[in-house]
Amino acid sequence: MSSDRKELSSEQNQALIEILKNRFEKNKSRHKNIEWNQIQAKLGSQKEKLWSLNEMEITGGEPDVIGYYEKSGEYIFCDCSAESPKGRRSVCYDHEALESRKENKPENSAIEMANDMGIKLLNEEEYRALQTLGIFDLKTSSWIETPPFIRKLKGALFCDRRYDTVFVYHNGAESYYAARGFRGMLKV
């Protein structure tokens, strides 16, 4: 992960914006009726959001614009990598789950990583909406935001896509697998 500064150098900003612009141009079906120049102008004034997007990028998320909230004037970036981001796998759900493991602890949890990156996990509705824009998680799975009543009972939810269908499953929040990570979202 990057330093605590949460700000990129001007060279890093330029490189990231070029990556995001190229991805945006290659995947127009994800963001119909949205123009890149408006997004770039907004990104220019939000250094911490650029840092978060860079964290999404360097952990394998391939962030791209998937929508726009008219009321707030915010663009929605989401991890659009074909599989759950490689640099965010083998993590349990949250800090409580991590602490509950007596042995073979993973290095981190999905919630802590997302918070450190300045992003949030997708909820079920957001995950299903993402799946309408492409085909994701055919070989991996992704933790999703879990309702408090399920988490209170020590469970957590994750999703994947199999048989051309999006499935939601449950697992103990302390579990972790090499093929399970998490997808994040960031509003800019």
Protein backbone atom coordinates (compact mmCIF):
# COMPACT_ATOMS: atom_id res chain seq x y z
CA MET A 1 0.00 0.00 0.00
CA SER A 2 0.98 3.61 -0.40
CA SER A 3 2.21 5.98 2.28
CA ASP A 4 -0.02 7.74 4.82
CA ARG A 5 0.17 10.96 2.80
CA LYS A 6 -2.77 10.01 0.57
CA GLU A 7 -1.54 12.24 -2.21
CA LEU A 8 0.17 11.33 -5.47
CA SER A 9 2.98 13.19 -7.17
CA SER A 10 2.04 15.15 -10.29
CA GLU A 11 3.70 12.43 -12.42
CA GLN A 12 1.66 9.73 -10.69
CA ASN A 13 -1.52 11.81 -11.16
CA GLN A 14 -0.84 12.19 -14.88
CA ALA A 15 -0.07 8.48 -15.32
CA LEU A 16 -3.22 7.45 -13.44
CA ILE A 17 -5.45 9.87 -15.34
CA GLU A 18 -4.09 8.48 -18.61
CA ILE A 19 -4.88 4.91 -17.50
CA LEU A 20 -8.38 5.90 -16.39
CA LYS A 21 -9.03 7.84 -19.61
CA ASN A 22 -7.92 4.90 -21.79
CA ARG A 23 -10.10 2.48 -19.83
CA PHE A 24 -13.02 4.92 -20.03
CA GLU A 25 -12.65 5.18 -23.83
CA LYS A 26 -12.37 1.38 -24.27
CA ASN A 27 -15.49 0.63 -22.21
CA LYS A 28 -18.08 3.20 -23.28
CA SER A 29 -20.95 0.79 -22.65
CA ARG A 30 -20.32 1.15 -18.89
CA HIS A 31 -20.98 4.90 -18.93
CA LYS A 32 -23.26 5.99 -21.73
CA ASN A 33 -23.91 9.75 -21.98
CA ILE A 34 -20.93 10.64 -19.76
CA GLU A 35 -18.04 12.68 -21.12
CA TRP A 36 -14.45 12.16 -19.98
CA ASN A 37 -13.54 15.88 -19.85
CA GLN A 38 -16.13 16.44 -17.08
CA ILE A 39 -14.67 13.60 -15.02
CA GLN A 40 -11.09 14.76 -15.56
CA ALA A 41 -11.98 18.28 -14.45
CA LYS A 42 -13.52 16.90 -11.28
CA LEU A 43 -10.56 14.63 -10.58
CA GLY A 44 -8.12 17.52 -10.85
CA SER A 45 -9.40 19.08 -7.65
CA GLN A 46 -9.71 15.91 -5.57
CA LYS A 47 -6.22 14.71 -4.67
CA GLU A 48 -7.37 12.25 -1.99
CA LYS A 49 -9.86 10.65 -4.41
CA LEU A 50 -7.07 10.29 -6.98
CA TRP A 51 -5.00 8.56 -4.31
CA SER A 52 -7.91 6.17 -3.62
CA LEU A 53 -8.32 5.45 -7.34
CA ASN A 54 -4.60 4.72 -7.52
CA GLU A 55 -4.96 2.27 -4.62
CA MET A 56 -7.79 0.59 -6.54
CA GLU A 57 -5.56 0.42 -9.60
CA ILE A 58 -2.39 -0.92 -7.95
CA THR A 59 -4.33 -3.68 -6.16
CA GLY A 60 -5.72 -4.88 -9.50
CA GLY A 61 -9.21 -3.36 -9.44
CA GLU A 62 -9.14 -1.62 -12.84
CA PRO A 63 -11.47 1.19 -11.68
CA ASP A 64 -13.82 2.70 -14.24
CA VAL A 65 -16.81 5.04 -14.25
CA ILE A 66 -20.10 3.15 -14.01
CA GLY A 67 -22.56 5.94 -13.30
CA TYR A 68 -23.39 9.48 -12.30
CA TYR A 69 -25.55 10.83 -9.45
CA GLU A 70 -27.28 13.94 -10.79
CA LYS A 71 -28.43 15.20 -7.38
CA SER A 72 -24.93 15.21 -5.89
CA GLY A 73 -23.02 15.72 -9.14
CA GLU A 74 -20.80 12.72 -8.33
CA TYR A 75 -19.33 10.16 -10.72
CA ILE A 76 -19.23 6.56 -9.53
CA PHE A 77 -16.01 4.61 -9.99
CA CYS A 78 -16.06 0.88 -9.38
CA ASP A 79 -13.59 -2.01 -9.67
CA CYS A 80 -14.20 -3.49 -13.11
CA SER A 81 -11.48 -6.15 -13.23
CA ALA A 82 -12.77 -9.42 -14.66
CA GLU A 83 -12.01 -11.21 -11.39
CA SER A 84 -11.94 -9.99 -7.80
CA PRO A 85 -8.87 -7.69 -7.52
CA LYS A 86 -5.77 -9.83 -7.05
CA GLY A 87 -4.17 -7.54 -4.47
CA ARG A 88 -7.25 -7.76 -2.24
CA ARG A 89 -7.80 -11.50 -1.96
CA SER A 90 -7.25 -13.89 0.94
CA VAL A 91 -8.83 -11.52 3.44
CA CYS A 92 -11.55 -12.17 5.98
CA TYR A 93 -14.53 -9.83 6.23
CA ASP A 94 -13.70 -7.32 9.01
CA HIS A 95 -11.40 -6.58 11.96
CA GLU A 96 -13.61 -8.45 14.44
CA ALA A 97 -13.40 -11.56 12.24
CA LEU A 98 -9.63 -11.16 11.89
CA GLU A 99 -9.20 -10.91 15.66
CA SER A 100 -11.42 -13.96 16.24
CA ARG A 101 -9.04 -16.25 14.35
CA LYS A 102 -6.75 -18.12 16.69
CA GLU A 103 -4.36 -19.36 13.99
CA ASN A 104 -3.66 -18.97 10.28
CA LYS A 105 -4.80 -15.35 10.32
CA PRO A 106 -4.95 -13.55 7.00
CA GLU A 107 -2.93 -10.36 6.70
CA ASN A 108 -5.97 -8.09 6.62
CA SER A 109 -9.73 -7.81 6.29
CA ALA A 110 -11.86 -6.49 3.45
CA ILE A 111 -13.47 -3.73 5.54
CA GLU A 112 -10.14 -2.50 6.93
CA MET A 113 -8.49 -2.52 3.50
CA ALA A 114 -11.41 -0.63 1.96
CA ASN A 115 -11.34 1.96 4.75
CA ASP A 116 -7.57 2.37 4.38
CA MET A 117 -8.04 2.87 0.63
CA GLY A 118 -10.85 5.40 1.07
CA ILE A 119 -13.43 3.25 -0.73
CA LYS A 120 -16.45 1.18 0.30
CA LEU A 121 -17.44 -2.40 -0.40
CA LEU A 122 -20.30 -2.91 -2.82
CA ASN A 123 -23.62 -3.95 -1.36
CA GLU A 124 -25.76 -6.63 -3.03
CA GLU A 125 -27.72 -4.16 -5.15
CA GLU A 126 -24.55 -2.43 -6.36
CA TYR A 127 -22.88 -5.77 -7.11
CA ARG A 128 -25.87 -6.90 -9.17
CA ALA A 129 -25.91 -3.55 -11.01
CA LEU A 130 -22.21 -3.95 -11.84
CA GLN A 131 -22.95 -7.38 -13.31
CA THR A 132 -25.35 -5.76 -15.82
CA LEU A 133 -22.36 -3.84 -17.25
CA GLY A 134 -20.17 -6.87 -17.88
CA ILE A 135 -19.29 -10.35 -16.72
CA PHE A 136 -17.36 -10.40 -13.45
CA ASP A 137 -16.16 -13.00 -10.92
CA LEU A 138 -16.48 -16.15 -13.04
CA LYS A 139 -13.54 -17.78 -11.17
CA THR A 140 -13.41 -15.68 -7.99
CA SER A 141 -15.85 -14.24 -5.48
CA SER A 142 -16.15 -10.88 -3.73
CA TRP A 143 -17.16 -9.99 -0.18
CA ILE A 144 -20.07 -7.54 -0.15
CA GLU A 145 -21.40 -5.20 2.51
CA THR A 146 -23.18 -7.40 5.03
CA PRO A 147 -26.33 -6.32 6.90
CA PRO A 148 -25.67 -5.79 10.64
CA PHE A 149 -28.11 -8.52 11.73
CA ILE A 150 -26.16 -11.14 9.74
CA ARG A 151 -22.82 -9.80 10.92
CA LYS A 152 -24.02 -9.87 14.54
CA LEU A 153 -24.53 -13.62 14.09
CA LYS A 154 -20.88 -13.93 12.91
CA GLY A 155 -21.76 -14.27 9.23
CA ALA A 156 -20.85 -12.29 6.13
CA LEU A 157 -22.01 -12.25 2.51
CA PHE A 158 -20.17 -12.66 -0.77
CA CYS A 159 -21.14 -12.88 -4.43
CA ASP A 160 -19.96 -14.37 -7.68
CA ARG A 161 -21.29 -15.21 -11.11
CA ARG A 162 -21.79 -18.80 -12.22
CA TYR A 163 -24.08 -20.32 -14.86
CA ASP A 164 -24.81 -16.81 -16.17
CA THR A 165 -26.42 -15.99 -12.80
CA VAL A 166 -25.30 -13.78 -9.91
CA PHE A 167 -25.32 -15.66 -6.62
CA VAL A 168 -25.22 -14.33 -3.06
CA TYR A 169 -23.79 -16.67 -0.45
CA HIS A 170 -22.93 -16.64 3.23
CA ASN A 171 -19.85 -17.71 5.13
CA GLY A 172 -18.33 -17.19 8.54
CA ALA A 173 -16.85 -13.69 8.50
CA GLU A 174 -13.51 -15.06 9.67
CA SER A 175 -13.11 -17.30 6.60
CA TYR A 176 -10.78 -16.37 3.78
CA TYR A 177 -9.87 -17.95 0.46
CA ALA A 178 -7.28 -17.34 -2.23
CA ALA A 179 -10.08 -16.72 -4.73
CA ARG A 180 -12.15 -14.32 -2.59
CA GLY A 181 -11.45 -10.61 -2.39
CA PHE A 182 -13.63 -7.55 -2.59
CA ARG A 183 -14.71 -4.90 -5.06
CA GLY A 184 -14.88 -1.27 -4.09
CA MET A 185 -16.72 1.86 -5.10
CA LEU A 186 -15.72 5.51 -4.93
CA LYS A 187 -17.82 8.61 -5.59
CA VAL A 188 -15.96 11.56 -7.12
